[in-house]
N, C-alpha and C. Protein backbone atom coordinates (compact mmCIF):
# COMPACT_ATOMS: atom_id res chain seq x y z
N UNK A 1 -64.83 -89.00 41.86
CA UNK A 1 -65.39 -88.63 43.02
C UNK A 1 -65.79 -87.32 43.02
N UNK A 2 -64.98 -86.37 42.26
CA UNK A 2 -65.57 -84.93 42.25
C UNK A 2 -67.10 -84.82 41.89
N UNK A 3 -67.54 -85.63 40.85
CA UNK A 3 -68.73 -85.27 40.11
C UNK A 3 -69.69 -86.14 41.19
N UNK A 4 -69.34 -87.00 41.92
CA UNK A 4 -70.11 -87.50 42.94
C UNK A 4 -70.44 -86.68 43.99
N UNK A 5 -69.20 -85.65 44.59
CA UNK A 5 -69.37 -84.55 45.43
C UNK A 5 -70.52 -83.53 44.96
N UNK A 6 -70.36 -83.01 43.64
CA UNK A 6 -71.31 -82.36 43.22
C UNK A 6 -72.57 -82.71 43.01
N UNK A 7 -72.81 -84.09 42.86
CA UNK A 7 -74.37 -84.52 42.77
C UNK A 7 -74.80 -84.44 43.91
N UNK A 8 -74.14 -84.82 45.14
CA UNK A 8 -74.61 -84.77 46.43
C UNK A 8 -74.88 -83.23 46.93
N UNK A 9 -74.07 -82.38 46.65
CA UNK A 9 -74.21 -81.00 46.94
C UNK A 9 -75.36 -80.34 46.05
N UNK A 10 -75.46 -80.84 45.00
CA UNK A 10 -76.65 -80.25 44.07
C UNK A 10 -78.13 -80.88 44.74
N UNK A 11 -77.99 -82.24 45.33
CA UNK A 11 -79.29 -82.58 45.87
C UNK A 11 -79.38 -81.68 47.04
N UNK A 12 -78.37 -81.71 47.95
CA UNK A 12 -78.48 -81.01 49.20
C UNK A 12 -78.97 -79.57 49.12
N UNK A 13 -78.32 -78.84 48.15
CA UNK A 13 -78.80 -77.31 47.70
C UNK A 13 -80.27 -77.39 47.33
N UNK A 14 -80.79 -78.32 46.65
CA UNK A 14 -82.22 -78.39 46.31
C UNK A 14 -83.09 -78.77 47.45
N UNK A 15 -82.69 -79.65 48.52
CA UNK A 15 -83.30 -79.67 49.81
C UNK A 15 -83.31 -78.86 50.88
N UNK A 16 -82.39 -77.91 50.74
CA UNK A 16 -82.26 -77.00 51.76
C UNK A 16 -83.60 -76.07 52.03
N UNK A 17 -83.96 -75.82 53.21
CA UNK A 17 -85.23 -74.94 53.34
C UNK A 17 -84.94 -73.58 53.04
N UNK A 18 -83.74 -73.31 53.19
CA UNK A 18 -83.25 -71.91 53.02
C UNK A 18 -83.45 -70.75 54.21
N UNK A 19 -83.98 -71.57 55.28
CA UNK A 19 -84.26 -70.55 56.56
C UNK A 19 -82.87 -69.96 57.09
N UNK A 20 -81.63 -70.77 56.94
CA UNK A 20 -80.61 -70.27 57.63
C UNK A 20 -79.67 -70.20 56.58
N UNK A 21 -78.71 -68.64 56.79
CA UNK A 21 -77.80 -68.33 55.78
C UNK A 21 -76.80 -69.17 55.54
N UNK A 22 -76.26 -70.03 56.29
CA UNK A 22 -75.08 -71.01 56.17
C UNK A 22 -75.44 -72.03 55.26
N UNK A 23 -76.62 -72.70 55.42
CA UNK A 23 -77.06 -73.69 54.54
C UNK A 23 -77.39 -73.10 53.18
N UNK A 24 -78.16 -71.99 53.20
CA UNK A 24 -78.79 -71.67 52.04
C UNK A 24 -77.68 -70.96 51.07
N UNK A 25 -76.85 -70.42 51.48
CA UNK A 25 -75.72 -69.47 50.60
C UNK A 25 -74.52 -70.40 50.55
N UNK A 26 -74.05 -70.87 51.83
CA UNK A 26 -72.96 -71.92 51.82
C UNK A 26 -72.91 -72.92 50.88
N UNK A 27 -74.04 -73.67 50.77
CA UNK A 27 -74.17 -74.86 49.86
C UNK A 27 -74.22 -74.17 48.41
N UNK A 28 -74.76 -73.05 48.15
CA UNK A 28 -74.94 -72.47 46.83
C UNK A 28 -73.49 -72.20 46.30
N UNK A 29 -72.81 -71.78 47.26
CA UNK A 29 -71.38 -71.41 46.89
C UNK A 29 -70.44 -72.57 46.66
N UNK A 30 -70.76 -73.78 47.62
CA UNK A 30 -69.85 -75.02 47.25
C UNK A 30 -70.36 -75.53 46.03
N UNK A 31 -71.70 -75.63 45.70
CA UNK A 31 -72.05 -76.05 44.44
C UNK A 31 -71.48 -75.44 43.16
N UNK A 32 -71.50 -74.23 43.59
CA UNK A 32 -70.92 -73.40 42.28
C UNK A 32 -69.43 -73.82 42.06
N UNK A 33 -68.65 -73.74 43.12
CA UNK A 33 -67.22 -74.29 43.06
C UNK A 33 -66.94 -75.72 42.45
N UNK A 34 -67.70 -76.48 43.05
CA UNK A 34 -67.70 -77.89 42.44
C UNK A 34 -68.25 -78.01 40.90
N UNK A 35 -69.11 -77.31 40.54
CA UNK A 35 -69.65 -77.08 39.25
C UNK A 35 -68.47 -76.56 38.21
N UNK A 36 -67.67 -75.49 38.64
CA UNK A 36 -66.39 -75.04 37.99
C UNK A 36 -65.75 -76.14 37.79
N UNK A 37 -65.27 -76.73 39.01
CA UNK A 37 -63.88 -77.91 38.96
C UNK A 37 -64.56 -78.90 37.87
N UNK A 38 -65.70 -79.73 38.01
CA UNK A 38 -66.11 -80.56 36.83
C UNK A 38 -66.11 -80.09 35.32
N UNK A 39 -66.19 -78.81 35.24
CA UNK A 39 -66.20 -78.28 33.86
C UNK A 39 -64.64 -78.00 33.49
N UNK A 40 -63.66 -78.27 34.41
CA UNK A 40 -62.56 -77.77 33.97
C UNK A 40 -62.14 -76.48 34.28
N UNK A 41 -62.99 -75.58 34.97
CA UNK A 41 -62.55 -74.28 35.25
C UNK A 41 -62.09 -74.07 36.67
N UNK A 42 -61.69 -75.22 37.39
CA UNK A 42 -61.27 -74.91 38.99
C UNK A 42 -60.06 -74.15 38.77
N UNK A 43 -59.90 -73.61 40.06
CA UNK A 43 -58.74 -72.86 40.38
C UNK A 43 -57.90 -73.08 41.70
N UNK A 44 -56.75 -72.81 41.51
CA UNK A 44 -55.84 -73.00 42.74
C UNK A 44 -56.57 -72.56 43.83
N UNK A 45 -56.75 -73.19 45.12
CA UNK A 45 -57.35 -72.44 46.18
C UNK A 45 -58.92 -73.03 46.44
N UNK A 46 -59.42 -73.57 45.42
CA UNK A 46 -60.80 -73.92 45.50
C UNK A 46 -60.95 -75.04 46.51
N UNK A 47 -60.01 -76.06 46.59
CA UNK A 47 -60.11 -77.11 47.72
C UNK A 47 -60.07 -76.66 49.00
N UNK A 48 -59.18 -75.64 49.44
CA UNK A 48 -59.16 -74.92 50.61
C UNK A 48 -60.38 -74.24 50.86
N UNK A 49 -60.85 -73.57 49.88
CA UNK A 49 -62.19 -72.82 49.93
C UNK A 49 -63.51 -73.67 50.19
N UNK A 50 -63.44 -74.91 49.52
CA UNK A 50 -64.43 -75.98 49.91
C UNK A 50 -64.42 -76.19 51.33
N UNK A 51 -63.36 -76.60 51.62
CA UNK A 51 -63.01 -77.04 53.15
C UNK A 51 -63.60 -75.94 54.21
N UNK A 52 -62.88 -74.51 53.79
CA UNK A 52 -63.47 -73.76 54.80
C UNK A 52 -64.76 -73.34 55.09
N UNK A 53 -65.50 -73.36 53.48
CA UNK A 53 -67.04 -73.29 53.75
C UNK A 53 -67.72 -74.51 54.30
N UNK A 54 -67.14 -75.60 54.10
CA UNK A 54 -67.77 -77.03 54.94
C UNK A 54 -67.58 -76.73 56.50
N UNK A 55 -66.59 -76.22 56.74
CA UNK A 55 -66.53 -75.95 58.35
C UNK A 55 -67.64 -75.01 58.99
N UNK A 56 -67.59 -74.10 57.95
CA UNK A 56 -68.41 -72.91 58.62
C UNK A 56 -69.89 -73.34 58.57
N UNK A 57 -70.41 -73.97 57.35
CA UNK A 57 -71.64 -74.69 57.28
C UNK A 57 -72.01 -75.23 58.54
N UNK A 58 -71.10 -76.36 58.46
CA UNK A 58 -71.36 -77.46 59.68
C UNK A 58 -71.48 -76.83 60.95
N UNK A 59 -70.69 -75.78 61.43
CA UNK A 59 -70.68 -75.24 62.46
C UNK A 59 -71.80 -74.48 62.79
N UNK A 60 -72.46 -73.82 61.87
CA UNK A 60 -73.44 -72.72 61.92
C UNK A 60 -74.67 -73.00 61.58
N UNK A 61 -74.86 -73.94 60.76
CA UNK A 61 -76.41 -74.43 60.11
C UNK A 61 -77.17 -74.70 61.52
N UNK A 62 -78.67 -74.61 61.12
CA UNK A 62 -79.38 -74.83 62.36
C UNK A 62 -80.19 -76.21 62.27
N UNK A 63 -80.03 -76.73 61.14
CA UNK A 63 -80.57 -78.18 61.17
C UNK A 63 -79.67 -79.54 60.78
N UNK A 64 -80.00 -80.50 60.93
CA UNK A 64 -79.26 -81.83 60.55
C UNK A 64 -78.90 -81.85 59.20
N UNK A 65 -79.72 -81.47 58.18
CA UNK A 65 -79.38 -81.50 56.97
C UNK A 65 -78.04 -80.45 56.49
N UNK A 66 -78.49 -79.30 57.07
CA UNK A 66 -77.23 -78.26 56.98
C UNK A 66 -76.09 -78.96 57.60
N UNK A 67 -75.98 -78.95 58.65
CA UNK A 67 -74.89 -79.45 59.48
C UNK A 67 -74.00 -80.99 58.76
N UNK A 68 -74.77 -81.59 58.08
CA UNK A 68 -74.11 -82.58 57.48
C UNK A 68 -74.05 -82.37 55.77
N UNK A 69 -74.48 -81.24 55.44
CA UNK A 69 -74.57 -80.97 53.94
C UNK A 69 -73.06 -81.14 53.41
N UNK A 70 -72.22 -80.84 53.97
CA UNK A 70 -71.01 -80.65 53.25
C UNK A 70 -70.04 -81.94 53.52
N UNK A 71 -70.59 -82.81 54.35
CA UNK A 71 -69.85 -84.18 54.43
C UNK A 71 -69.32 -84.92 53.34
N UNK A 72 -69.97 -85.04 52.20
CA UNK A 72 -69.90 -85.78 51.31
C UNK A 72 -68.39 -85.29 50.61
N UNK A 73 -68.57 -83.76 50.42
CA UNK A 73 -67.42 -83.09 49.69
C UNK A 73 -66.19 -83.25 50.78
N UNK A 74 -66.29 -83.09 51.97
CA UNK A 74 -65.19 -83.19 52.78
C UNK A 74 -64.48 -84.59 52.72
N UNK A 75 -65.49 -85.58 52.86
CA UNK A 75 -65.04 -87.20 52.81
C UNK A 75 -64.17 -87.18 51.42
N UNK A 76 -64.85 -87.00 50.29
CA UNK A 76 -64.12 -87.06 48.77
C UNK A 76 -62.84 -86.23 48.83
N UNK A 77 -62.76 -84.86 49.30
CA UNK A 77 -61.49 -84.23 49.57
C UNK A 77 -60.46 -85.21 50.21
N UNK A 78 -60.74 -85.70 51.34
CA UNK A 78 -59.78 -86.27 52.28
C UNK A 78 -59.23 -87.59 51.65
N UNK A 79 -60.24 -88.35 51.04
CA UNK A 79 -59.87 -89.67 50.44
C UNK A 79 -59.24 -89.42 48.96
N UNK A 80 -59.68 -88.49 48.48
CA UNK A 80 -59.42 -88.45 46.81
C UNK A 80 -58.88 -87.02 46.35
N UNK A 81 -58.15 -86.34 47.31
CA UNK A 81 -57.80 -85.36 46.92
C UNK A 81 -56.92 -85.07 45.69
N UNK A 82 -56.11 -85.96 45.29
CA UNK A 82 -55.28 -86.15 44.08
C UNK A 82 -56.35 -86.00 42.95
N UNK A 83 -57.59 -86.57 43.02
CA UNK A 83 -58.65 -86.36 41.99
C UNK A 83 -58.98 -84.77 41.83
N UNK A 84 -59.11 -84.23 42.87
CA UNK A 84 -59.66 -82.84 42.76
C UNK A 84 -58.40 -82.11 42.21
N UNK A 85 -57.21 -82.36 42.63
CA UNK A 85 -55.94 -81.57 42.26
C UNK A 85 -55.73 -81.82 40.52
N UNK A 86 -56.23 -83.16 40.04
CA UNK A 86 -56.13 -83.49 38.63
C UNK A 86 -57.17 -82.69 37.82
N UNK A 87 -58.44 -82.43 38.41
CA UNK A 87 -59.29 -81.58 37.77
C UNK A 87 -59.01 -80.13 37.78
N UNK A 88 -58.40 -79.66 38.97
CA UNK A 88 -58.02 -78.32 38.91
C UNK A 88 -56.73 -77.93 38.12
N UNK A 89 -55.70 -78.66 38.41
CA UNK A 89 -54.32 -78.26 37.78
C UNK A 89 -54.07 -78.94 36.46
N UNK A 90 -54.62 -79.96 35.99
CA UNK A 90 -54.44 -80.84 34.77
C UNK A 90 -55.58 -80.60 33.98
N UNK A 91 -56.70 -80.28 34.42
CA UNK A 91 -57.92 -80.19 33.71
C UNK A 91 -58.28 -81.41 32.95
N UNK A 92 -58.27 -82.47 33.91
CA UNK A 92 -58.35 -83.98 33.47
C UNK A 92 -59.33 -84.62 34.73
N UNK A 93 -60.29 -85.71 34.35
CA UNK A 93 -61.02 -86.44 35.41
C UNK A 93 -60.24 -87.84 35.26
N UNK A 94 -59.64 -88.14 36.21
CA UNK A 94 -59.20 -89.57 36.21
C UNK A 94 -60.23 -90.82 36.30
N UNK A 95 -61.27 -90.38 36.68
CA UNK A 95 -62.37 -91.40 36.82
C UNK A 95 -63.27 -91.38 35.56
N UNK A 96 -63.00 -90.28 34.62
CA UNK A 96 -63.68 -90.43 33.46
C UNK A 96 -65.28 -90.05 33.55
N UNK A 97 -65.71 -89.53 34.63
CA UNK A 97 -66.94 -89.22 34.92
C UNK A 97 -67.19 -87.76 34.41
N UNK A 98 -66.55 -86.77 34.15
CA UNK A 98 -66.77 -85.47 34.17
C UNK A 98 -66.64 -85.10 32.44
N UNK A 99 -67.83 -85.20 31.94
CA UNK A 99 -68.16 -85.06 30.39
C UNK A 99 -67.07 -83.75 29.81
N UNK A 100 -67.19 -82.78 30.46
CA UNK A 100 -66.44 -81.53 29.65
C UNK A 100 -64.93 -81.79 30.00
N UNK A 101 -64.50 -82.70 30.69
CA UNK A 101 -63.02 -83.14 30.80
C UNK A 101 -62.59 -84.32 30.10
N UNK A 102 -63.53 -85.09 29.43
CA UNK A 102 -63.28 -85.88 28.52
C UNK A 102 -62.43 -85.38 27.30
N UNK A 103 -61.32 -86.23 27.06
CA UNK A 103 -60.45 -85.86 25.78
C UNK A 103 -60.96 -86.60 24.66
N UNK A 104 -61.38 -86.20 23.73
CA UNK A 104 -61.62 -86.94 22.30
C UNK A 104 -60.30 -86.82 21.45
N UNK A 105 -59.92 -87.73 20.71
CA UNK A 105 -58.64 -87.64 19.66
C UNK A 105 -58.95 -88.59 18.67
N UNK A 106 -58.42 -88.17 17.71
CA UNK A 106 -58.42 -89.36 16.35
C UNK A 106 -57.07 -89.84 16.19
N UNK A 107 -56.79 -90.91 16.18
CA UNK A 107 -55.48 -91.57 16.15
C UNK A 107 -55.27 -91.58 14.76
N UNK A 108 -53.97 -90.83 14.21
CA UNK A 108 -53.94 -90.67 12.74
C UNK A 108 -53.43 -91.95 12.18
N UNK A 109 -52.91 -92.75 13.13
CA UNK A 109 -52.37 -94.26 12.49
C UNK A 109 -53.67 -95.07 12.27
N UNK A 110 -54.76 -94.80 12.56
CA UNK A 110 -55.79 -95.76 12.35
C UNK A 110 -56.91 -95.02 11.51
N UNK A 111 -56.85 -93.46 11.37
CA UNK A 111 -57.85 -92.92 10.64
C UNK A 111 -57.57 -93.07 9.23
N UNK A 112 -58.60 -93.41 8.39
CA UNK A 112 -58.27 -93.47 6.87
C UNK A 112 -58.65 -92.35 5.96
N UNK A 113 -59.35 -91.43 6.65
CA UNK A 113 -59.87 -90.21 6.00
C UNK A 113 -60.90 -90.27 5.37
N UNK A 114 -61.86 -91.15 5.97
CA UNK A 114 -62.98 -91.28 5.21
C UNK A 114 -64.06 -90.23 5.22
N UNK A 115 -63.82 -89.62 6.30
CA UNK A 115 -64.82 -88.30 6.64
C UNK A 115 -66.02 -88.56 7.34
N UNK A 116 -66.43 -89.68 7.50
CA UNK A 116 -67.51 -90.16 8.20
C UNK A 116 -67.85 -89.37 9.57
N UNK A 117 -66.64 -89.30 10.51
CA UNK A 117 -66.77 -88.61 11.79
C UNK A 117 -67.17 -87.06 11.44
N UNK A 118 -66.34 -86.48 10.47
CA UNK A 118 -66.73 -85.08 10.18
C UNK A 118 -68.16 -84.69 9.96
N UNK A 119 -68.59 -85.56 9.05
CA UNK A 119 -69.88 -85.56 8.67
C UNK A 119 -71.03 -85.76 9.74
N UNK A 120 -70.53 -86.56 10.95
CA UNK A 120 -71.41 -87.02 11.93
C UNK A 120 -71.61 -85.70 13.07
N UNK A 121 -70.25 -84.99 12.93
CA UNK A 121 -70.29 -83.84 14.19
C UNK A 121 -71.20 -82.97 13.87
N UNK A 122 -71.88 -82.64 15.15
CA UNK A 122 -72.97 -81.70 15.05
C UNK A 122 -72.64 -80.31 15.09
N UNK A 123 -71.53 -80.01 15.59
CA UNK A 123 -70.77 -78.90 15.67
C UNK A 123 -69.60 -78.47 14.75
N UNK A 124 -69.38 -79.49 13.83
CA UNK A 124 -68.55 -78.96 12.99
C UNK A 124 -66.85 -78.91 13.55
N UNK A 125 -66.63 -79.75 14.61
CA UNK A 125 -65.41 -79.72 15.47
C UNK A 125 -64.42 -80.65 14.60
N UNK A 126 -64.56 -81.21 13.65
CA UNK A 126 -63.58 -82.30 12.88
C UNK A 126 -63.22 -81.72 11.62
N UNK A 127 -61.99 -81.79 11.41
CA UNK A 127 -61.66 -81.46 9.91
C UNK A 127 -60.54 -82.24 9.49
N UNK A 128 -60.44 -81.99 8.06
CA UNK A 128 -59.15 -82.90 7.39
C UNK A 128 -59.78 -82.94 6.02
N UNK A 129 -58.97 -83.72 5.27
CA UNK A 129 -58.87 -84.12 3.85
C UNK A 129 -59.09 -85.74 3.79
N UNK A 130 -60.21 -85.77 2.57
CA UNK A 130 -60.13 -87.22 2.41
C UNK A 130 -58.80 -87.87 2.25
N UNK A 131 -58.94 -89.28 2.73
CA UNK A 131 -57.81 -89.93 2.50
C UNK A 131 -56.60 -89.58 3.32
N UNK A 132 -56.83 -88.85 4.28
CA UNK A 132 -55.79 -87.93 5.15
C UNK A 132 -56.40 -88.15 6.57
N UNK A 133 -55.61 -88.14 7.65
CA UNK A 133 -56.25 -88.35 8.98
C UNK A 133 -56.77 -87.11 9.34
N UNK A 134 -57.93 -87.17 10.00
CA UNK A 134 -58.76 -86.16 10.40
C UNK A 134 -58.37 -85.71 11.82
N UNK A 135 -58.78 -84.32 12.22
CA UNK A 135 -58.30 -84.25 13.60
C UNK A 135 -59.72 -83.33 14.12
N UNK A 136 -59.54 -83.45 15.50
CA UNK A 136 -60.78 -82.95 16.24
C UNK A 136 -60.33 -81.62 17.02
N UNK A 137 -61.14 -80.29 16.88
CA UNK A 137 -60.78 -79.14 17.49
C UNK A 137 -61.43 -79.36 18.98
N UNK A 138 -60.65 -79.68 20.16
CA UNK A 138 -61.20 -79.81 21.24
C UNK A 138 -61.87 -78.55 22.01
N UNK A 139 -61.51 -77.60 21.53
CA UNK A 139 -62.19 -76.38 22.03
C UNK A 139 -63.58 -76.19 21.70
N UNK A 140 -63.86 -76.81 20.15
CA UNK A 140 -65.09 -76.69 19.75
C UNK A 140 -65.93 -77.86 19.86
N UNK A 141 -65.44 -79.17 20.22
CA UNK A 141 -65.95 -80.52 20.39
C UNK A 141 -67.07 -80.26 21.80
N UNK A 142 -68.24 -81.05 21.71
CA UNK A 142 -69.07 -81.03 22.64
C UNK A 142 -69.16 -82.38 23.19
N UNK A 143 -68.23 -83.24 23.02
CA UNK A 143 -68.20 -84.63 23.54
C UNK A 143 -69.28 -85.40 23.59
N UNK A 144 -70.02 -85.47 22.36
CA UNK A 144 -71.16 -86.00 22.21
C UNK A 144 -71.21 -87.65 21.72
N UNK A 145 -69.90 -88.02 21.07
CA UNK A 145 -69.65 -89.42 20.71
C UNK A 145 -70.03 -89.80 19.57
N UNK A 146 -70.74 -88.82 18.65
CA UNK A 146 -71.48 -89.09 17.41
C UNK A 146 -70.31 -89.63 16.58
N UNK A 147 -69.04 -88.97 16.58
CA UNK A 147 -67.88 -89.41 15.75
C UNK A 147 -67.45 -90.67 15.96
N UNK A 148 -67.40 -91.21 17.18
CA UNK A 148 -66.90 -92.51 17.41
C UNK A 148 -67.73 -93.44 17.03
N UNK A 149 -69.27 -93.22 17.24
CA UNK A 149 -70.17 -94.12 16.68
C UNK A 149 -70.12 -94.38 15.25
N UNK A 150 -69.55 -93.58 14.50
CA UNK A 150 -69.61 -93.81 13.01
C UNK A 150 -68.48 -94.33 12.50
N UNK A 151 -67.34 -94.16 13.27
CA UNK A 151 -66.00 -94.68 12.80
C UNK A 151 -65.77 -96.06 12.70
N UNK A 152 -65.70 -96.73 11.74
CA UNK A 152 -65.55 -97.99 11.51
C UNK A 152 -64.09 -98.52 11.61
N UNK A 153 -63.18 -97.65 11.74
CA UNK A 153 -61.87 -97.86 11.97
C UNK A 153 -61.29 -97.75 13.20
N UNK A 154 -62.35 -97.50 14.36
CA UNK A 154 -62.24 -97.13 15.78
C UNK A 154 -60.91 -96.19 15.94
N UNK A 155 -60.97 -95.32 15.09
CA UNK A 155 -59.86 -94.15 15.30
C UNK A 155 -60.02 -93.07 16.11
N UNK A 156 -61.38 -92.93 16.52
CA UNK A 156 -61.90 -91.82 17.47
C UNK A 156 -61.84 -92.27 18.91
N UNK A 157 -61.00 -91.84 19.85
CA UNK A 157 -60.66 -92.44 21.10
C UNK A 157 -60.83 -91.46 22.25
N UNK A 158 -61.32 -91.78 23.49
CA UNK A 158 -61.13 -91.11 24.47
C UNK A 158 -59.77 -91.21 25.33
N UNK A 159 -59.30 -90.06 25.74
CA UNK A 159 -57.85 -90.03 26.51
C UNK A 159 -56.72 -89.52 25.79
């Protein structure tokens, strides 16, 4: 739901006429916070800041778009607060929709050490030795899925 809120805020920010400061700047700030959260860079206090910005925008915007711009964010926070907290605190996306928060790993019990995944990785995030289980450097991984697509043993997994 966090990604859904980010999508709606992106749309609203693009559609804003920019005539009033609350809508123009407020939605820009909300979008920046949501983008940080879906990238795994959210911080404690972001939820409260989003709610505060939402209140300010809806109370001071001049048009209907501005007054309702933050509604999807407020609704998703009210109904799915635990999901926001998981993004911020645990750096994980329970819905699995935030690409940067997907965890890709190689199950060493299934990996045969064939090296196909390492050869397929466009950024060299997979290392290991032939006939031994390979591993993924999650900090280098771009989560493109090339490794999973080439693994005949289904050893590359999300989660």
